[in-house]
PDB file of N, CA and C in Angstrom:
ATOM      1  N   MET A   1     -12.882  27.114   8.840  1.00  0.00           N
ATOM      2  CA  MET A   1     -14.235  27.571   8.463  1.00  0.00           C
ATOM      3  C   MET A   1     -14.041  29.025   7.863  1.00  0.00           C
ATOM      4  N   THR A   2     -14.706  29.287   6.702  1.00  0.00           N
ATOM      5  CA  THR A   2     -14.636  30.463   6.164  1.00  0.00           C
ATOM      6  C   THR A   2     -16.095  31.253   6.561  1.00  0.00           C
ATOM      7  N   ARG A   3     -16.161  32.421   6.475  1.00  0.00           N
ATOM      8  CA  ARG A   3     -17.178  33.325   6.606  1.00  0.00           C
ATOM      9  C   ARG A   3     -18.270  32.903   5.683  1.00  0.00           C
ATOM     10  N   GLU A   4     -17.761  32.590   4.631  1.00  0.00           N
ATOM     11  CA  GLU A   4     -18.951  32.299   3.410  1.00  0.00           C
ATOM     12  C   GLU A   4     -19.437  30.828   4.031  1.00  0.00           C
ATOM     13  N   ALA A   5     -18.948  30.138   4.723  1.00  0.00           N
ATOM     14  CA  ALA A   5     -19.550  28.835   4.844  1.00  0.00           C
ATOM     15  C   ALA A   5     -20.847  28.955   6.277  1.00  0.00           C
ATOM     16  N   LEU A   6     -20.906  30.245   6.582  1.00  0.00           N
ATOM     17  CA  LEU A   6     -21.847  30.325   7.473  1.00  0.00           C
ATOM     18  C   LEU A   6     -22.962  31.379   6.964  1.00  0.00           C
ATOM     19  N   PRO A   7     -24.300  31.102   7.248  1.00  0.00           N
ATOM     20  CA  PRO A   7     -25.626  31.914   6.844  1.00  0.00           C
ATOM     21  C   PRO A   7     -25.270  33.484   7.535  1.00  0.00           C
ATOM     22  N   SER A   8     -25.467  34.322   6.946  1.00  0.00           N
ATOM     23  CA  SER A   8     -25.175  35.729   7.139  1.00  0.00           C
ATOM     24  C   SER A   8     -26.438  35.957   7.942  1.00  0.00           C
ATOM     25  N   LEU A   9     -26.358  36.884   9.219  1.00  0.00           N
ATOM     26  CA  LEU A   9     -27.419  37.300   9.861  1.00  0.00           C
ATOM     27  C   LEU A   9     -28.126  38.435   9.533  1.00  0.00           C
ATOM     28  N   ARG A  10     -27.439  39.134   8.489  1.00  0.00           N
ATOM     29  CA  ARG A  10     -27.685  40.392   7.969  1.00  0.00           C
ATOM     30  C   ARG A  10     -28.151  40.167   6.510  1.00  0.00           C
ATOM     31  N   PRO A  11     -29.255  40.604   6.123  1.00  0.00           N
ATOM     32  CA  PRO A  11     -29.707  40.196   4.783  1.00  0.00           C
ATOM     33  C   PRO A  11     -28.877  40.950   3.831  1.00  0.00           C
ATOM     34  N   GLN A  12     -28.710  40.370   2.725  1.00  0.00           N
ATOM     35  CA  GLN A  12     -27.692  40.738   1.472  1.00  0.00           C
ATOM     36  C   GLN A  12     -28.489  42.156   0.920  1.00  0.00           C
ATOM     37  N   ASP A  13     -29.758  41.951   0.795  1.00  0.00           N
ATOM     38  CA  ASP A  13     -30.653  43.307   0.367  1.00  0.00           C
ATOM     39  C   ASP A  13     -31.888  43.373   1.179  1.00  0.00           C
ATOM     40  N   SER A  14     -32.357  44.645   0.821  1.00  0.00           N
ATOM     41  CA  SER A  14     -33.372  45.176   1.803  1.00  0.00           C
ATOM     42  C   SER A  14     -34.699  44.238   1.687  1.00  0.00           C
ATOM     43  N   ALA A  15     -35.181  43.638   0.345  1.00  0.00           N
ATOM     44  CA  ALA A  15     -36.317  42.650  -0.089  1.00  0.00           C
ATOM     45  C   ALA A  15     -36.113  41.469   0.816  1.00  0.00           C
ATOM     46  N   GLN A  16     -34.839  41.095   1.098  1.00  0.00           N
ATOM     47  CA  GLN A  16     -34.554  39.533   1.794  1.00  0.00           C
ATOM     48  C   GLN A  16     -34.771  39.709   3.273  1.00  0.00           C
ATOM     49  N   GLY A  17     -34.898  40.992   3.655  1.00  0.00           N
ATOM     50  CA  GLY A  17     -34.842  41.336   5.264  1.00  0.00           C
ATOM     51  C   GLY A  17     -36.534  41.596   5.569  1.00  0.00           C
ATOM     52  N   ILE A  18     -37.073  41.772   4.496  1.00  0.00           N
ATOM     53  CA  ILE A  18     -38.525  42.293   4.846  1.00  0.00           C
ATOM     54  C   ILE A  18     -39.377  41.141   5.043  1.00  0.00           C
ATOM     55  N   ARG A  19     -39.973  40.859   6.451  1.00  0.00           N
ATOM     56  CA  ARG A  19     -40.867  39.925   6.525  1.00  0.00           C
ATOM     57  C   ARG A  19     -42.240  40.481   6.867  1.00  0.00           C
ATOM     58  N   LEU A  20     -43.285  39.394   7.064  1.00  0.00           N
ATOM     59  CA  LEU A  20     -44.462  40.008   7.437  1.00  0.00           C
ATOM     60  C   LEU A  20     -44.526  41.077   8.763  1.00  0.00           C
ATOM     61  N   GLY A  21     -44.683  42.033   8.863  1.00  0.00           N
ATOM     62  CA  GLY A  21     -44.625  43.068   9.818  1.00  0.00           C
ATOM     63  C   GLY A  21     -43.431  43.430  10.266  1.00  0.00           C
ATOM     64  N   MET A  22     -42.534  43.529   9.345  1.00  0.00           N
ATOM     65  CA  MET A  22     -41.090  44.002   9.220  1.00  0.00           C
ATOM     66  C   MET A  22     -40.611  44.944   8.414  1.00  0.00           C
ATOM     67  N   ASP A  23     -41.571  45.643   7.838  1.00  0.00           N
ATOM     68  CA  ASP A  23     -41.056  46.630   6.701  1.00  0.00           C
ATOM     69  C   ASP A  23     -41.631  47.945   7.446  1.00  0.00           C
ATOM     70  N   ASP A  24     -41.491  48.083   8.770  1.00  0.00           N
ATOM     71  CA  ASP A  24     -41.861  49.275   9.507  1.00  0.00           C
ATOM     72  C   ASP A  24     -40.315  50.265   9.127  1.00  0.00           C
ATOM     73  N   SER A  25     -40.560  51.527   8.935  1.00  0.00           N
ATOM     74  CA  SER A  25     -39.513  52.511   8.599  1.00  0.00           C
ATOM     75  C   SER A  25     -38.535  52.426  10.091  1.00  0.00           C
ATOM     76  N   ARG A  26     -39.491  52.810  11.096  1.00  0.00           N
ATOM     77  CA  ARG A  26     -38.674  52.558  12.416  1.00  0.00           C
ATOM     78  C   ARG A  26     -37.417  51.114  12.466  1.00  0.00           C
ATOM     79  N   ARG A  27     -37.994  50.298  12.299  1.00  0.00           N
ATOM     80  CA  ARG A  27     -36.967  49.249  12.386  1.00  0.00           C
ATOM     81  C   ARG A  27     -36.094  49.068  11.315  1.00  0.00           C
ATOM     82  N   ARG A  28     -36.204  49.562  10.156  1.00  0.00           N
ATOM     83  CA  ARG A  28     -35.074  49.408   9.080  1.00  0.00           C
ATOM     84  C   ARG A  28     -34.021  50.713   9.474  1.00  0.00           C
ATOM     85  N   ALA A  29     -34.401  51.632  10.133  1.00  0.00           N
ATOM     86  CA  ALA A  29     -33.830  52.740  10.563  1.00  0.00           C
ATOM     87  C   ALA A  29     -32.668  52.364  11.816  1.00  0.00           C
ATOM     88  N   ARG A  30     -32.991  51.162  12.684  1.00  0.00           N
ATOM     89  CA  ARG A  30     -32.247  50.664  13.455  1.00  0.00           C
ATOM     90  C   ARG A  30     -31.130  49.954  12.877  1.00  0.00           C
ATOM     91  N   PRO A  31     -29.955  50.013  13.538  1.00  0.00           N
ATOM     92  CA  PRO A  31     -29.025  49.034  13.135  1.00  0.00           C
ATOM     93  C   PRO A  31     -29.136  47.521  13.140  1.00  0.00           C
ATOM     94  N   SER A  32     -28.898  46.673  12.328  1.00  0.00           N
ATOM     95  CA  SER A  32     -29.084  45.386  12.381  1.00  0.00           C
ATOM     96  C   SER A  32     -28.155  44.548  13.220  1.00  0.00           C
ATOM     97  N   VAL A  33     -28.517  43.429  13.712  1.00  0.00           N
ATOM     98  CA  VAL A  33     -27.587  42.746  14.196  1.00  0.00           C
ATOM     99  C   VAL A  33     -26.612  41.828  13.281  1.00  0.00           C
ATOM    100  N   SER A  34     -25.635  41.863  13.580  1.00  0.00           N
ATOM    101  CA  SER A  34     -24.752  40.994  12.662  1.00  0.00           C
ATOM    102  C   SER A  34     -23.607  40.096  13.503  1.00  0.00           C
ATOM    103  N   LEU A  35     -23.760  38.950  13.239  1.00  0.00           N
ATOM    104  CA  LEU A  35     -22.516  38.034  13.947  1.00  0.00           C
ATOM    105  C   LEU A  35     -21.510  37.627  12.558  1.00  0.00           C
ATOM    106  N   GLN A  36     -20.443  37.966  12.553  1.00  0.00           N
ATOM    107  CA  GLN A  36     -19.471  37.498  11.691  1.00  0.00           C
ATOM    108  C   GLN A  36     -18.179  36.871  12.383  1.00  0.00           C
ATOM    109  N   LEU A  37     -17.529  35.826  11.708  1.00  0.00           N
ATOM    110  CA  LEU A  37     -16.719  35.332  12.209  1.00  0.00           C
ATOM    111  C   LEU A  37     -15.207  35.821  11.295  1.00  0.00           C
ATOM    112  N   GLU A  38     -14.252  35.763  12.080  1.00  0.00           N
ATOM    113  CA  GLU A  38     -12.881  36.157  11.686  1.00  0.00           C
ATOM    114  C   GLU A  38     -12.677  34.697  10.940  1.00  0.00           C
ATOM    115  N   PRO A  39     -12.171  34.707   9.852  1.00  0.00           N
ATOM    116  CA  PRO A  39     -11.763  33.267   9.210  1.00  0.00           C
ATOM    117  C   PRO A  39     -10.281  32.549   9.682  1.00  0.00           C
ATOM    118  N   ALA A  40      -9.610  33.299  10.129  1.00  0.00           N
ATOM    119  CA  ALA A  40      -8.531  33.115  11.268  1.00  0.00           C
ATOM    120  C   ALA A  40      -9.220  32.320  12.402  1.00  0.00           C
ATOM    121  N   ALA A  41      -9.896  33.124  13.041  1.00  0.00           N
ATOM    122  CA  ALA A  41     -10.459  32.441  14.465  1.00  0.00           C
ATOM    123  C   ALA A  41     -11.375  31.277  14.263  1.00  0.00           C
ATOM    124  N   ALA A  42     -12.132  31.112  13.109  1.00  0.00           N
ATOM    125  CA  ALA A  42     -12.949  30.145  12.838  1.00  0.00           C
ATOM    126  C   ALA A  42     -12.192  28.870  12.650  1.00  0.00           C
ATOM    127  N   ASP A  43     -10.917  29.037  12.379  1.00  0.00           N
ATOM    128  CA  ASP A  43     -10.117  27.490  12.255  1.00  0.00           C
ATOM    129  C   ASP A  43      -9.814  27.096  13.665  1.00  0.00           C
ATOM    130  N   THR A  44      -9.371  27.967  14.311  1.00  0.00           N
ATOM    131  CA  THR A  44      -9.030  27.897  15.662  1.00  0.00           C
ATOM    132  C   THR A  44      -9.796  27.519  16.901  1.00  0.00           C
ATOM    133  N   HIS A  45     -11.055  27.562  16.357  1.00  0.00           N
ATOM    134  CA  HIS A  45     -12.093  27.253  17.619  1.00  0.00           C
ATOM    135  C   HIS A  45     -13.213  26.167  17.189  1.00  0.00           C
ATOM    136  N   PRO A  46     -12.809  24.922  17.274  1.00  0.00           N
ATOM    137  CA  PRO A  46     -13.752  23.975  16.944  1.00  0.00           C
ATOM    138  C   PRO A  46     -15.234  24.133  17.301  1.00  0.00           C
ATOM    139  N   THR A  47     -15.634  24.741  18.427  1.00  0.00           N
ATOM    140  CA  THR A  47     -17.047  25.059  18.882  1.00  0.00           C
ATOM    141  C   THR A  47     -17.389  26.113  18.237  1.00  0.00           C
ATOM    142  N   LEU A  48     -16.789  26.967  17.509  1.00  0.00           N
ATOM    143  CA  LEU A  48     -17.564  28.655  17.239  1.00  0.00           C
ATOM    144  C   LEU A  48     -18.786  28.117  16.106  1.00  0.00           C
ATOM    145  N   ARG A  49     -18.766  27.222  15.158  1.00  0.00           N
ATOM    146  CA  ARG A  49     -19.711  27.050  14.422  1.00  0.00           C
ATOM    147  C   ARG A  49     -21.082  26.563  15.098  1.00  0.00           C
ATOM    148  N   ALA A  50     -21.011  25.674  16.288  1.00  0.00           N
ATOM    149  CA  ALA A  50     -22.205  25.669  17.126  1.00  0.00           C
ATOM    150  C   ALA A  50     -22.589  26.648  17.799  1.00  0.00           C
ATOM    151  N   ALA A  51     -21.692  27.687  18.581  1.00  0.00           N
ATOM    152  CA  ALA A  51     -21.988  28.985  19.056  1.00  0.00           C
ATOM    153  C   ALA A  51     -22.586  29.811  18.049  1.00  0.00           C
ATOM    154  N   TYR A  52     -22.008  29.785  16.856  1.00  0.00           N
ATOM    155  CA  TYR A  52     -22.877  30.848  15.964  1.00  0.00           C
ATOM    156  C   TYR A  52     -24.209  30.339  15.545  1.00  0.00           C
ATOM    157  N   ALA A  53     -24.318  28.725  15.531  1.00  0.00           N
ATOM    158  CA  ALA A  53     -25.698  28.451  15.153  1.00  0.00           C
ATOM    159  C   ALA A  53     -26.681  28.735  16.101  1.00  0.00           C
ATOM    160  N   PHE A  54     -26.191  28.566  17.430  1.00  0.00           N
ATOM    161  CA  PHE A  54     -27.109  28.783  18.677  1.00  0.00           C
ATOM    162  C   PHE A  54     -27.429  30.339  18.751  1.00  0.00           C
ATOM    163  N   LEU A  55     -26.555  30.939  18.467  1.00  0.00           N
ATOM    164  CA  LEU A  55     -26.828  32.607  18.385  1.00  0.00           C
ATOM    165  C   LEU A  55     -27.584  32.699  17.501  1.00  0.00           C
ATOM    166  N   TYR A  56     -27.303  32.406  16.126  1.00  0.00           N
ATOM    167  CA  TYR A  56     -28.376  32.858  15.038  1.00  0.00           C
ATOM    168  C   TYR A  56     -29.855  32.281  15.333  1.00  0.00           C
ATOM    169  N   ASN A  57     -29.926  31.022  15.891  1.00  0.00           N
ATOM    170  CA  ASN A  57     -31.296  30.627  16.460  1.00  0.00           C
ATOM    171  C   ASN A  57     -31.965  31.466  17.453  1.00  0.00           C
ATOM    172  N   GLU A  58     -31.189  31.551  18.400  1.00  0.00           N
ATOM    173  CA  GLU A  58     -31.605  32.332  19.456  1.00  0.00           C
ATOM    174  C   GLU A  58     -32.117  33.852  18.969  1.00  0.00           C
ATOM    175  N   LEU A  59     -31.434  34.576  18.195  1.00  0.00           N
ATOM    176  CA  LEU A  59     -31.859  35.970  17.479  1.00  0.00           C
ATOM    177  C   LEU A  59     -33.015  35.849  16.721  1.00  0.00           C
ATOM    178  N   HIS A  60     -33.536  34.598  15.949  1.00  0.00           N
ATOM    179  CA  HIS A  60     -34.537  34.636  15.238  1.00  0.00           C
ATOM    180  C   HIS A  60     -35.555  34.213  16.219  1.00  0.00           C
ATOM    181  N   GLN A  61     -35.588  33.508  17.121  1.00  0.00           N
ATOM    182  CA  GLN A  61     -36.566  32.973  18.222  1.00  0.00           C
ATOM    183  C   GLN A  61     -37.001  34.519  18.946  1.00  0.00           C
ATOM    184  N   PHE A  62     -35.938  35.190  19.311  1.00  0.00           N
ATOM    185  CA  PHE A  62     -36.128  36.565  20.022  1.00  0.00           C
ATOM    186  C   PHE A  62     -37.256  37.365  18.963  1.00  0.00           C
ATOM    187  N   GLN A  63     -36.670  37.605  17.761  1.00  0.00           N
ATOM    188  CA  GLN A  63     -37.364  38.499  16.803  1.00  0.00           C
ATOM    189  C   GLN A  63     -38.533  37.806  16.808  1.00  0.00           C
ATOM    190  N   ASP A  64     -38.829  36.610  16.583  1.00  0.00           N
ATOM    191  CA  ASP A  64     -40.167  36.137  16.366  1.00  0.00           C
ATOM    192  C   ASP A  64     -41.074  36.479  17.729  1.00  0.00           C
ATOM    193  N   SER A  65     -40.547  36.054  18.769  1.00  0.00           N
ATOM    194  CA  SER A  65     -41.381  36.522  20.186  1.00  0.00           C
ATOM    195  C   SER A  65     -41.657  37.895  20.109  1.00  0.00           C
ATOM    196  N   MET A  66     -40.734  38.736  19.684  1.00  0.00           N
ATOM    197  CA  MET A  66     -41.124  40.030  19.695  1.00  0.00           C
ATOM    198  C   MET A  66     -42.234  40.467  18.785  1.00  0.00           C
ATOM    199  N   GLU A  67     -42.026  39.975  17.522  1.00  0.00           N
ATOM    200  CA  GLU A  67     -43.236  40.101  16.439  1.00  0.00           C
ATOM    201  C   GLU A  67     -44.602  39.567  17.231  1.00  0.00           C
ATOM    202  N   ASP A  68     -44.543  38.656  17.833  1.00  0.00           N
ATOM    203  CA  ASP A  68     -45.457  37.759  18.492  1.00  0.00           C
ATOM    204  C   ASP A  68     -46.368  38.805  19.596  1.00  0.00           C
ATOM    205  N   LEU A  69     -45.397  39.518  20.390  1.00  0.00           N
ATOM    206  CA  LEU A  69     -45.764  40.237  21.534  1.00  0.00           C
ATOM    207  C   LEU A  69     -46.533  41.829  20.807  1.00  0.00           C
ATOM    208  N   LYS A  70     -45.670  41.888  19.708  1.00  0.00           N
ATOM    209  CA  LYS A  70     -46.425  43.470  19.001  1.00  0.00           C
ATOM    210  C   LYS A  70     -47.538  43.104  18.543  1.00  0.00           C
ATOM    211  N   ARG A  71     -47.927  42.088  17.768  1.00  0.00           N
ATOM    212  CA  ARG A  71     -49.231  41.651  17.287  1.00  0.00           C
ATOM    213  C   ARG A  71     -50.195  41.489  18.370  1.00  0.00           C
ATOM    214  N   GLN A  72     -49.893  40.898  19.437  1.00  0.00           N
ATOM    215  CA  GLN A  72     -50.835  40.854  20.790  1.00  0.00           C
ATOM    216  C   GLN A  72     -51.039  42.216  21.270  1.00  0.00           C
ATOM    217  N   SER A  73     -49.988  43.117  21.598  1.00  0.00           N
ATOM    218  CA  SER A  73     -50.202  44.731  21.785  1.00  0.00           C
ATOM    219  C   SER A  73     -51.172  45.192  21.156  1.00  0.00           C
ATOM    220  N   ARG A  74     -50.972  45.055  19.924  1.00  0.00           N
ATOM    221  CA  ARG A  74     -52.124  45.908  18.556  1.00  0.00           C
ATOM    222  C   ARG A  74     -53.462  45.354  18.822  1.00  0.00           C
ATOM    223  N   ARG A  75     -53.630  43.904  19.158  1.00  0.00           N
ATOM    224  CA  ARG A  75     -54.767  43.135  19.418  1.00  0.00           C
ATOM    225  C   ARG A  75     -55.400  43.927  20.593  1.00  0.00           C
ATOM    226  N   GLU A  76     -54.750  43.910  21.791  1.00  0.00           N
ATOM    227  CA  GLU A  76     -55.335  44.155  23.154  1.00  0.00           C
ATOM    228  C   GLU A  76     -55.521  45.717  22.658  1.00  0.00           C
ATOM    229  N   HIS A  77     -54.636  46.674  22.299  1.00  0.00           N
ATOM    230  CA  HIS A  77     -54.942  47.823  21.880  1.00  0.00           C
ATOM    231  C   HIS A  77     -56.229  48.237  21.131  1.00  0.00           C
ATOM    232  N   GLU A  78     -56.781  47.537  20.209  1.00  0.00           N
ATOM    233  CA  GLU A  78     -57.787  47.787  19.364  1.00  0.00           C
ATOM    234  C   GLU A  78     -58.679  47.098  20.276  1.00  0.00           C
ATOM    235  N   ASP A  79     -58.762  46.214  21.366  1.00  0.00           N
ATOM    236  CA  ASP A  79     -59.800  45.719  21.915  1.00  0.00           C
ATOM    237  C   ASP A  79     -60.135  46.865  23.212  1.00  0.00           C
ATOM    238  N   LEU A  80     -59.113  47.521  23.387  1.00  0.00           N
ATOM    239  CA  LEU A  80     -59.342  48.694  24.571  1.00  0.00           C
ATOM    240  C   LEU A  80     -59.891  49.766  23.840  1.00  0.00           C
ATOM    241  N   ARG A  81     -59.700  50.064  22.596  1.00  0.00           N
ATOM    242  CA  ARG A  81     -60.423  51.407  21.909  1.00  0.00           C
ATOM    243  C   ARG A  81     -61.909  50.955  21.762  1.00  0.00           C
ATOM    244  N   ARG A  82     -62.034  49.587  21.483  1.00  0.00           N
ATOM    245  CA  ARG A  82     -63.474  49.420  21.084  1.00  0.00           C
ATOM    246  C   ARG A  82     -64.102  49.405  22.335  1.00  0.00           C
ATOM    247  N   GLU A  83     -63.700  48.913  23.595  1.00  0.00           N
ATOM    248  CA  GLU A  83     -64.384  49.127  24.840  1.00  0.00           C
ATOM    249  C   GLU A  83     -64.646  50.464  25.208  1.00  0.00           C
ATOM    250  N   VAL A  84     -63.416  51.298  24.984  1.00  0.00           N
ATOM    251  CA  VAL A  84     -63.527  52.520  25.552  1.00  0.00           C
ATOM    252  C   VAL A  84     -64.650  53.307  24.382  1.00  0.00           C
ATOM    253  N   ARG A  85     -64.939  52.971  23.301  1.00  0.00           N
ATOM    254  CA  ARG A  85     -65.872  53.562  22.457  1.00  0.00           C
ATOM    255  C   ARG A  85     -67.100  53.347  22.865  1.00  0.00           C
ATOM    256  N   ASP A  86     -67.391  51.817  22.892  1.00  0.00           N
ATOM    257  CA  ASP A  86     -68.728  51.285  23.430  1.00  0.00           C
ATOM    258  C   ASP A  86     -69.037  51.927  24.830  1.00  0.00           C
ATOM    259  N   LEU A  87     -68.390  52.186  25.633  1.00  0.00           N
ATOM    260  CA  LEU A  87     -68.319  52.791  26.952  1.00  0.00           C
ATOM    261  C   LEU A  87     -69.033  54.363  26.739  1.00  0.00           C
ATOM    262  N   THR A  88     -68.026  54.940  26.001  1.00  0.00           N
ATOM    263  CA  THR A  88     -68.585  56.280  25.619  1.00  0.00           C
ATOM    264  C   THR A  88     -69.819  56.367  25.039  1.00  0.00           C
ATOM    265  N   LEU A  89     -70.361  55.615  24.118  1.00  0.00           N
ATOM    266  CA  LEU A  89     -71.707  55.748  23.432  1.00  0.00           C
ATOM    267  C   LEU A  89     -72.745  55.321  24.558  1.00  0.00           C
ATOM    268  N   GLN A  90     -72.284  54.468  25.402  1.00  0.00           N
ATOM    269  CA  GLN A  90     -73.266  54.198  26.617  1.00  0.00           C
ATOM    270  C   GLN A  90     -73.444  55.258  27.529  1.00  0.00           C
ATOM    271  N   THR A  91     -72.530  56.019  27.982  1.00  0.00           N
ATOM    272  CA  THR A  91     -72.549  57.401  28.467  1.00  0.00           C
ATOM    273  C   THR A  91     -73.383  58.389  27.921  1.00  0.00           C
ATOM    274  N   GLN A  92     -72.877  58.453  26.714  1.00  0.00           N
ATOM    275  CA  GLN A  92     -73.945  59.552  26.068  1.00  0.00           C
ATOM    276  C   GLN A  92     -75.345  59.248  25.926  1.00  0.00           C
ATOM    277  N   ASP A  93     -75.601  57.798  25.978  1.00  0.00           N
ATOM    278  CA  ASP A  93     -76.932  57.642  25.967  1.00  0.00           C
ATOM    279  C   ASP A  93     -77.445  57.802  27.410  1.00  0.00           C
ATOM    280  N   VAL A  94     -76.876  57.635  28.248  1.00  0.00           N
ATOM    281  CA  VAL A  94     -77.450  57.583  30.015  1.00  0.00           C
ATOM    282  C   VAL A  94     -77.542  59.348  30.041  1.00  0.00           C
ATOM    283  N   LEU A  95     -76.581  59.984  29.641  1.00  0.00           N
ATOM    284  CA  LEU A  95     -76.872  61.450  29.965  1.00  0.00           C
ATOM    285  C   LEU A  95     -77.970  61.865  29.179  1.00  0.00           C
ATOM    286  N   ARG A  96     -78.323  61.576  27.693  1.00  0.00           N
ATOM    287  CA  ARG A  96     -79.374  62.036  27.079  1.00  0.00           C
ATOM    288  C   ARG A  96     -80.744  61.573  27.638  1.00  0.00           C
ATOM    289  N   GLU A  97     -80.809  60.427  28.302  1.00  0.00           N
ATOM    290  CA  GLU A  97     -81.973  59.937  29.274  1.00  0.00           C
ATOM    291  C   GLU A  97     -82.050  60.784  30.348  1.00  0.00           C
ATOM    292  N   ILE A  98     -80.921  61.313  31.105  1.00  0.00           N
ATOM    293  CA  ILE A  98     -81.043  62.208  32.248  1.00  0.00           C
ATOM    294  C   ILE A  98     -81.603  63.415  31.760  1.00  0.00           C
ATOM    295  N   GLN A  99     -80.968  63.941  30.727  1.00  0.00           N
ATOM    296  CA  GLN A  99     -81.619  65.309  30.051  1.00  0.00           C
ATOM    297  C   GLN A  99     -83.183  65.526  29.655  1.00  0.00           C
ATOM    298  N   GLU A 100     -83.368  64.172  29.343  1.00  0.00           N
ATOM    299  CA  GLU A 100     -84.712  64.194  28.824  1.00  0.00           C
ATOM    300  C   GLU A 100     -85.804  64.095  30.062  1.00  0.00           C
TER     301      GLU A 100
END
């Protein structure tokens, strides 16, 4: 089994690695995860391809989970901001009523 027979975990160019929500410059600045097999080792371990496929799938499931958590966190953040804004407006209305 050669290295070319396995899909790369690292995108070959930056356009390939940009998925929805992943074009953040902070994310690009971090080192990417890459699993590479040594050609000699690939021939000696019959379960190496299965292990590689498992890790490849786990990596993508983890990345998808992190993206989902990030989206959920953003939604909750916006909800909290709205609630704080509404509460601030209500408080201002009450203060105006008290002053009058």
